[in-house]
Amino acid sequence: DEIIDVSEDEKVLVQQEEEIKLFEKITLSQDNVKVGHKYLKTLVISGTLNDEFHQIGEPVTFYISSPDGTDSQITAVTTSDRTFKVPIIIDEFESGIYQFQPSHKDLLGEPFSFKH
């Protein structure tokens, strides 16, 4: 145990609360996916969960807030090596900023935004 000398000055000990880093890595990319006879523009969210939070069989859920105020969610399955990948068809998305709130089990990750 550390010994703290408080003989001269008062020392206040503060515990640092670290932000939860749910992901080791997270990537957003755009792609065109062929569905039937046409190509649809998609947003692909992929990444790797931090080892300390990964639980096999527990998906990553993304709660999405649209510019018009509607909310939806999409779920990505995590593999045994902690990775996930989920395409979201954005062809019909209206222009604006979409807010994404990721979660895994009962943990919330850092939110991010996508402008379409």
N, C-alpha and C. Protein backbone atom coordinates (compact mmCIF):
# COMPACT_ATOMS: atom_id res chain seq x y z
N ASP A 1 0.83 -1.19 0.00
CA ASP A 1 0.00 0.00 0.00
C ASP A 1 0.87 1.24 0.00
N GLU A 2 0.40 2.26 -0.68
CA GLU A 2 1.14 3.51 -0.76
C GLU A 2 0.93 4.32 0.52
N ILE A 3 2.00 4.91 1.00
CA ILE A 3 1.91 5.77 2.18
C ILE A 3 1.92 7.20 1.70
N ILE A 4 0.92 7.98 2.12
CA ILE A 4 0.79 9.36 1.68
C ILE A 4 1.15 10.27 2.84
N ASP A 5 2.08 11.18 2.61
CA ASP A 5 2.53 12.12 3.63
C ASP A 5 1.61 13.33 3.63
N VAL A 6 0.89 13.54 4.73
CA VAL A 6 -0.02 14.68 4.83
C VAL A 6 0.43 15.63 5.95
N SER A 7 1.70 15.55 6.26
CA SER A 7 2.20 16.36 7.39
C SER A 7 2.12 17.86 7.14
N GLU A 8 2.46 18.33 5.97
CA GLU A 8 2.47 19.77 5.67
C GLU A 8 1.17 20.25 5.02
N ASP A 9 0.78 19.61 3.95
CA ASP A 9 -0.40 20.04 3.18
C ASP A 9 -1.48 18.98 3.21
N GLU A 10 -2.70 19.43 3.03
CA GLU A 10 -3.80 18.48 2.93
C GLU A 10 -3.81 17.90 1.53
N LYS A 11 -3.93 16.61 1.39
CA LYS A 11 -3.96 15.93 0.09
C LYS A 11 -5.34 15.29 -0.08
N VAL A 12 -5.93 15.59 -1.19
CA VAL A 12 -7.23 15.01 -1.49
C VAL A 12 -7.03 13.92 -2.53
N LEU A 13 -7.49 12.73 -2.24
CA LEU A 13 -7.37 11.61 -3.17
C LEU A 13 -8.64 11.54 -4.00
N VAL A 14 -8.48 11.51 -5.29
CA VAL A 14 -9.62 11.44 -6.20
C VAL A 14 -9.47 10.19 -7.05
N GLN A 15 -10.50 9.38 -7.08
CA GLN A 15 -10.48 8.22 -7.96
C GLN A 15 -10.86 8.68 -9.36
N GLN A 16 -10.08 8.25 -10.33
CA GLN A 16 -10.35 8.62 -11.71
C GLN A 16 -11.38 7.66 -12.30
N GLU A 17 -12.44 8.24 -12.84
CA GLU A 17 -13.43 7.42 -13.53
C GLU A 17 -13.09 7.43 -15.01
N GLU A 18 -12.73 6.28 -15.52
CA GLU A 18 -12.37 6.19 -16.92
C GLU A 18 -13.61 5.92 -17.76
N GLU A 19 -13.64 6.50 -18.93
CA GLU A 19 -14.72 6.26 -19.86
C GLU A 19 -14.64 4.81 -20.34
N ILE A 20 -15.78 4.18 -20.48
CA ILE A 20 -15.80 2.79 -20.94
C ILE A 20 -15.44 2.76 -22.42
N LYS A 21 -14.40 2.04 -22.75
CA LYS A 21 -13.99 1.84 -24.14
C LYS A 21 -14.53 0.47 -24.56
N LEU A 22 -15.76 0.48 -25.05
CA LEU A 22 -16.43 -0.76 -25.42
C LEU A 22 -15.73 -1.44 -26.59
N PHE A 23 -15.18 -0.63 -27.49
CA PHE A 23 -14.57 -1.19 -28.69
C PHE A 23 -13.06 -1.01 -28.71
N GLU A 24 -12.40 -2.06 -29.17
CA GLU A 24 -10.97 -1.98 -29.45
C GLU A 24 -10.80 -1.18 -30.74
N LYS A 25 -11.74 -1.38 -31.66
CA LYS A 25 -11.71 -0.70 -32.95
C LYS A 25 -13.13 -0.67 -33.49
N ILE A 26 -13.51 0.45 -34.12
CA ILE A 26 -14.81 0.54 -34.79
C ILE A 26 -14.62 1.35 -36.07
N THR A 27 -15.23 0.88 -37.15
CA THR A 27 -15.03 1.48 -38.46
C THR A 27 -16.38 1.71 -39.14
N LEU A 28 -16.53 2.86 -39.77
CA LEU A 28 -17.69 3.15 -40.62
C LEU A 28 -17.20 3.23 -42.05
N SER A 29 -17.90 2.56 -42.96
CA SER A 29 -17.55 2.66 -44.37
C SER A 29 -18.83 2.59 -45.19
N GLN A 30 -18.74 3.05 -46.44
CA GLN A 30 -19.89 2.98 -47.33
C GLN A 30 -19.57 1.98 -48.43
N ASP A 31 -20.62 1.28 -48.87
CA ASP A 31 -20.45 0.25 -49.89
C ASP A 31 -21.73 0.20 -50.71
N ASN A 32 -21.65 -0.43 -51.86
CA ASN A 32 -22.83 -0.70 -52.68
C ASN A 32 -23.05 -2.20 -52.67
N VAL A 33 -24.23 -2.62 -52.25
CA VAL A 33 -24.55 -4.04 -52.15
C VAL A 33 -25.62 -4.38 -53.18
N LYS A 34 -25.40 -5.46 -53.91
CA LYS A 34 -26.38 -5.86 -54.93
C LYS A 34 -27.52 -6.61 -54.27
N VAL A 35 -28.72 -6.08 -54.46
CA VAL A 35 -29.93 -6.74 -53.95
C VAL A 35 -30.85 -6.91 -55.17
N GLY A 36 -31.06 -8.17 -55.54
CA GLY A 36 -31.84 -8.42 -56.76
C GLY A 36 -31.05 -7.93 -57.96
N HIS A 37 -31.65 -7.03 -58.73
CA HIS A 37 -31.00 -6.52 -59.94
C HIS A 37 -30.43 -5.12 -59.77
N LYS A 38 -30.47 -4.57 -58.56
CA LYS A 38 -29.92 -3.22 -58.39
C LYS A 38 -28.97 -3.15 -57.20
N TYR A 39 -28.16 -2.10 -57.22
CA TYR A 39 -27.21 -1.86 -56.14
C TYR A 39 -27.78 -0.83 -55.18
N LEU A 40 -27.65 -1.11 -53.89
CA LEU A 40 -28.13 -0.20 -52.86
C LEU A 40 -26.95 0.31 -52.05
N LYS A 41 -26.98 1.61 -51.75
CA LYS A 41 -25.91 2.21 -50.94
C LYS A 41 -26.09 1.77 -49.49
N THR A 42 -25.01 1.32 -48.88
CA THR A 42 -25.07 0.87 -47.49
C THR A 42 -23.98 1.53 -46.66
N LEU A 43 -24.27 1.67 -45.39
CA LEU A 43 -23.30 2.08 -44.38
C LEU A 43 -22.92 0.80 -43.65
N VAL A 44 -21.64 0.50 -43.58
CA VAL A 44 -21.18 -0.72 -42.91
C VAL A 44 -20.48 -0.32 -41.61
N ILE A 45 -20.98 -0.84 -40.49
CA ILE A 45 -20.35 -0.63 -39.19
C ILE A 45 -19.66 -1.94 -38.82
N SER A 46 -18.36 -1.87 -38.63
CA SER A 46 -17.63 -3.08 -38.25
C SER A 46 -16.65 -2.72 -37.14
N GLY A 47 -16.23 -3.73 -36.42
CA GLY A 47 -15.30 -3.45 -35.34
C GLY A 47 -14.96 -4.66 -34.51
N THR A 48 -14.26 -4.38 -33.43
CA THR A 48 -13.82 -5.41 -32.49
C THR A 48 -14.13 -4.93 -31.08
N LEU A 49 -14.80 -5.77 -30.32
CA LEU A 49 -15.08 -5.45 -28.92
C LEU A 49 -13.82 -5.59 -28.08
N ASN A 50 -13.68 -4.77 -27.07
CA ASN A 50 -12.60 -4.93 -26.11
C ASN A 50 -12.77 -6.26 -25.41
N ASP A 51 -11.67 -6.95 -25.19
CA ASP A 51 -11.69 -8.29 -24.61
C ASP A 51 -12.40 -8.33 -23.26
N GLU A 52 -12.21 -7.29 -22.44
CA GLU A 52 -12.78 -7.31 -21.09
C GLU A 52 -14.31 -7.24 -21.10
N PHE A 53 -14.91 -6.76 -22.19
CA PHE A 53 -16.37 -6.62 -22.24
C PHE A 53 -17.05 -7.69 -23.09
N HIS A 54 -16.27 -8.42 -23.89
CA HIS A 54 -16.86 -9.39 -24.81
C HIS A 54 -17.48 -10.57 -24.08
N GLN A 55 -18.68 -10.91 -24.48
CA GLN A 55 -19.34 -12.10 -23.95
C GLN A 55 -19.93 -12.84 -25.14
N ILE A 56 -19.48 -14.06 -25.35
CA ILE A 56 -19.92 -14.84 -26.51
C ILE A 56 -21.44 -14.97 -26.50
N GLY A 57 -22.03 -14.75 -27.66
CA GLY A 57 -23.48 -14.86 -27.79
C GLY A 57 -24.23 -13.56 -27.54
N GLU A 58 -23.56 -12.56 -26.99
CA GLU A 58 -24.19 -11.27 -26.73
C GLU A 58 -23.92 -10.34 -27.92
N PRO A 59 -24.97 -9.85 -28.58
CA PRO A 59 -24.78 -8.99 -29.74
C PRO A 59 -24.42 -7.56 -29.35
N VAL A 60 -23.99 -6.80 -30.35
CA VAL A 60 -23.82 -5.36 -30.21
C VAL A 60 -25.08 -4.76 -30.83
N THR A 61 -25.75 -3.88 -30.09
CA THR A 61 -26.95 -3.22 -30.59
C THR A 61 -26.64 -1.75 -30.81
N PHE A 62 -27.08 -1.25 -31.96
CA PHE A 62 -26.92 0.17 -32.27
C PHE A 62 -28.30 0.81 -32.28
N TYR A 63 -28.52 1.75 -31.36
CA TYR A 63 -29.75 2.52 -31.33
C TYR A 63 -29.53 3.74 -32.22
N ILE A 64 -30.42 3.95 -33.16
CA ILE A 64 -30.24 4.99 -34.18
C ILE A 64 -31.33 6.04 -34.04
N SER A 65 -30.91 7.30 -33.91
CA SER A 65 -31.83 8.43 -33.89
C SER A 65 -31.70 9.15 -35.22
N SER A 66 -32.82 9.25 -35.94
CA SER A 66 -32.85 9.88 -37.26
C SER A 66 -33.10 11.37 -37.16
N PRO A 67 -32.79 12.13 -38.23
CA PRO A 67 -33.02 13.57 -38.21
C PRO A 67 -34.48 13.95 -38.01
N ASP A 68 -35.41 13.07 -38.42
CA ASP A 68 -36.84 13.37 -38.27
C ASP A 68 -37.37 13.02 -36.88
N GLY A 69 -36.47 12.54 -35.99
CA GLY A 69 -36.88 12.24 -34.63
C GLY A 69 -37.29 10.80 -34.37
N THR A 70 -37.33 9.98 -35.42
CA THR A 70 -37.69 8.58 -35.21
C THR A 70 -36.47 7.79 -34.72
N ASP A 71 -36.74 6.75 -33.96
CA ASP A 71 -35.68 5.90 -33.42
C ASP A 71 -35.84 4.48 -33.95
N SER A 72 -34.71 3.83 -34.17
CA SER A 72 -34.71 2.43 -34.59
C SER A 72 -33.48 1.77 -33.99
N GLN A 73 -33.35 0.48 -34.22
CA GLN A 73 -32.16 -0.20 -33.74
C GLN A 73 -31.80 -1.33 -34.69
N ILE A 74 -30.52 -1.66 -34.71
CA ILE A 74 -30.03 -2.77 -35.50
C ILE A 74 -29.03 -3.53 -34.64
N THR A 75 -29.01 -4.84 -34.82
CA THR A 75 -28.18 -5.70 -33.98
C THR A 75 -27.13 -6.41 -34.82
N ALA A 76 -25.92 -6.47 -34.30
CA ALA A 76 -24.81 -7.16 -34.95
C ALA A 76 -24.36 -8.32 -34.09
N VAL A 77 -24.20 -9.47 -34.69
CA VAL A 77 -23.73 -10.66 -33.99
C VAL A 77 -22.22 -10.54 -33.81
N THR A 78 -21.73 -10.88 -32.62
CA THR A 78 -20.28 -10.88 -32.39
C THR A 78 -19.75 -12.29 -32.56
N THR A 79 -18.59 -12.39 -33.18
CA THR A 79 -17.98 -13.70 -33.40
C THR A 79 -17.11 -14.07 -32.19
N SER A 80 -16.59 -15.29 -32.21
CA SER A 80 -15.75 -15.74 -31.10
C SER A 80 -14.45 -14.94 -31.01
N ASP A 81 -14.02 -14.31 -32.11
CA ASP A 81 -12.82 -13.47 -32.05
C ASP A 81 -13.16 -12.00 -31.80
N ARG A 82 -14.39 -11.72 -31.28
CA ARG A 82 -14.86 -10.43 -30.80
C ARG A 82 -15.23 -9.44 -31.90
N THR A 83 -15.27 -9.87 -33.16
CA THR A 83 -15.56 -8.95 -34.26
C THR A 83 -17.04 -8.95 -34.61
N PHE A 84 -17.47 -7.87 -35.25
CA PHE A 84 -18.84 -7.75 -35.74
C PHE A 84 -18.84 -6.92 -37.01
N LYS A 85 -19.89 -7.08 -37.80
CA LYS A 85 -20.04 -6.30 -39.04
C LYS A 85 -21.52 -6.27 -39.36
N VAL A 86 -22.04 -5.06 -39.57
CA VAL A 86 -23.46 -4.94 -39.89
C VAL A 86 -23.65 -3.88 -40.97
N PRO A 87 -24.30 -4.26 -42.09
CA PRO A 87 -24.60 -3.28 -43.13
C PRO A 87 -25.99 -2.67 -42.90
N ILE A 88 -26.10 -1.37 -43.14
CA ILE A 88 -27.38 -0.68 -43.01
C ILE A 88 -27.66 -0.03 -44.36
N ILE A 89 -28.78 -0.38 -44.98
CA ILE A 89 -29.13 0.21 -46.27
C ILE A 89 -29.53 1.66 -46.04
N ILE A 90 -28.80 2.57 -46.70
CA ILE A 90 -29.04 4.01 -46.49
C ILE A 90 -29.61 4.69 -47.73
N ASP A 91 -29.94 3.90 -48.76
CA ASP A 91 -30.50 4.47 -49.99
C ASP A 91 -31.73 5.32 -49.73
N GLU A 92 -32.56 4.89 -48.80
CA GLU A 92 -33.81 5.59 -48.51
C GLU A 92 -33.69 6.59 -47.36
N PHE A 93 -32.50 6.71 -46.78
CA PHE A 93 -32.29 7.65 -45.68
C PHE A 93 -32.52 9.07 -46.17
N GLU A 94 -33.17 9.89 -45.36
CA GLU A 94 -33.26 11.31 -45.69
C GLU A 94 -31.96 11.99 -45.29
N SER A 95 -31.70 13.15 -45.89
CA SER A 95 -30.48 13.88 -45.57
C SER A 95 -30.52 14.36 -44.12
N GLY A 96 -29.36 14.37 -43.50
CA GLY A 96 -29.28 14.85 -42.13
C GLY A 96 -28.27 14.06 -41.33
N ILE A 97 -28.28 14.30 -40.02
CA ILE A 97 -27.33 13.65 -39.12
C ILE A 97 -28.05 12.55 -38.33
N TYR A 98 -27.45 11.38 -38.35
CA TYR A 98 -27.97 10.22 -37.62
C TYR A 98 -27.06 9.95 -36.43
N GLN A 99 -27.66 9.79 -35.25
CA GLN A 99 -26.91 9.51 -34.03
C GLN A 99 -26.97 8.01 -33.74
N PHE A 100 -25.82 7.42 -33.46
CA PHE A 100 -25.73 6.00 -33.13
C PHE A 100 -25.25 5.84 -31.70
N GLN A 101 -25.99 5.04 -30.93
CA GLN A 101 -25.59 4.73 -29.55
C GLN A 101 -25.38 3.22 -29.46
N PRO A 102 -24.12 2.77 -29.41
CA PRO A 102 -23.87 1.33 -29.31
C PRO A 102 -24.01 0.82 -27.88
N SER A 103 -24.44 -0.43 -27.78
CA SER A 103 -24.48 -1.08 -26.46
C SER A 103 -24.16 -2.56 -26.61
N HIS A 104 -23.64 -3.13 -25.55
CA HIS A 104 -23.30 -4.56 -25.49
C HIS A 104 -23.58 -4.99 -24.06
N LYS A 105 -24.44 -5.98 -23.90
CA LYS A 105 -24.93 -6.38 -22.58
C LYS A 105 -25.59 -5.15 -21.95
N ASP A 106 -25.16 -4.73 -20.78
CA ASP A 106 -25.76 -3.54 -20.15
C ASP A 106 -24.82 -2.34 -20.22
N LEU A 107 -23.83 -2.39 -21.11
CA LEU A 107 -22.85 -1.32 -21.24
C LEU A 107 -23.13 -0.46 -22.46
N LEU A 108 -23.01 0.85 -22.29
CA LEU A 108 -23.15 1.76 -23.42
C LEU A 108 -21.78 2.19 -23.89
N GLY A 109 -21.58 2.16 -25.20
CA GLY A 109 -20.34 2.65 -25.78
C GLY A 109 -20.44 4.12 -26.08
N GLU A 110 -19.37 4.68 -26.58
CA GLU A 110 -19.35 6.10 -26.93
C GLU A 110 -20.20 6.33 -28.18
N PRO A 111 -21.17 7.27 -28.12
CA PRO A 111 -22.02 7.52 -29.28
C PRO A 111 -21.24 8.18 -30.42
N PHE A 112 -21.74 8.00 -31.64
CA PHE A 112 -21.12 8.64 -32.80
C PHE A 112 -22.23 9.06 -33.76
N SER A 113 -21.87 9.92 -34.72
CA SER A 113 -22.84 10.46 -35.66
C SER A 113 -22.42 10.17 -37.08
N PHE A 114 -23.41 10.10 -37.97
CA PHE A 114 -23.18 9.88 -39.40
C PHE A 114 -24.02 10.91 -40.15
N LYS A 115 -23.38 11.64 -41.07
CA LYS A 115 -24.10 12.63 -41.86
C LYS A 115 -24.36 12.07 -43.25
N HIS A 116 -25.63 12.08 -43.66
CA HIS A 116 -26.03 11.54 -44.96
C HIS A 116 -26.53 12.66 -45.84
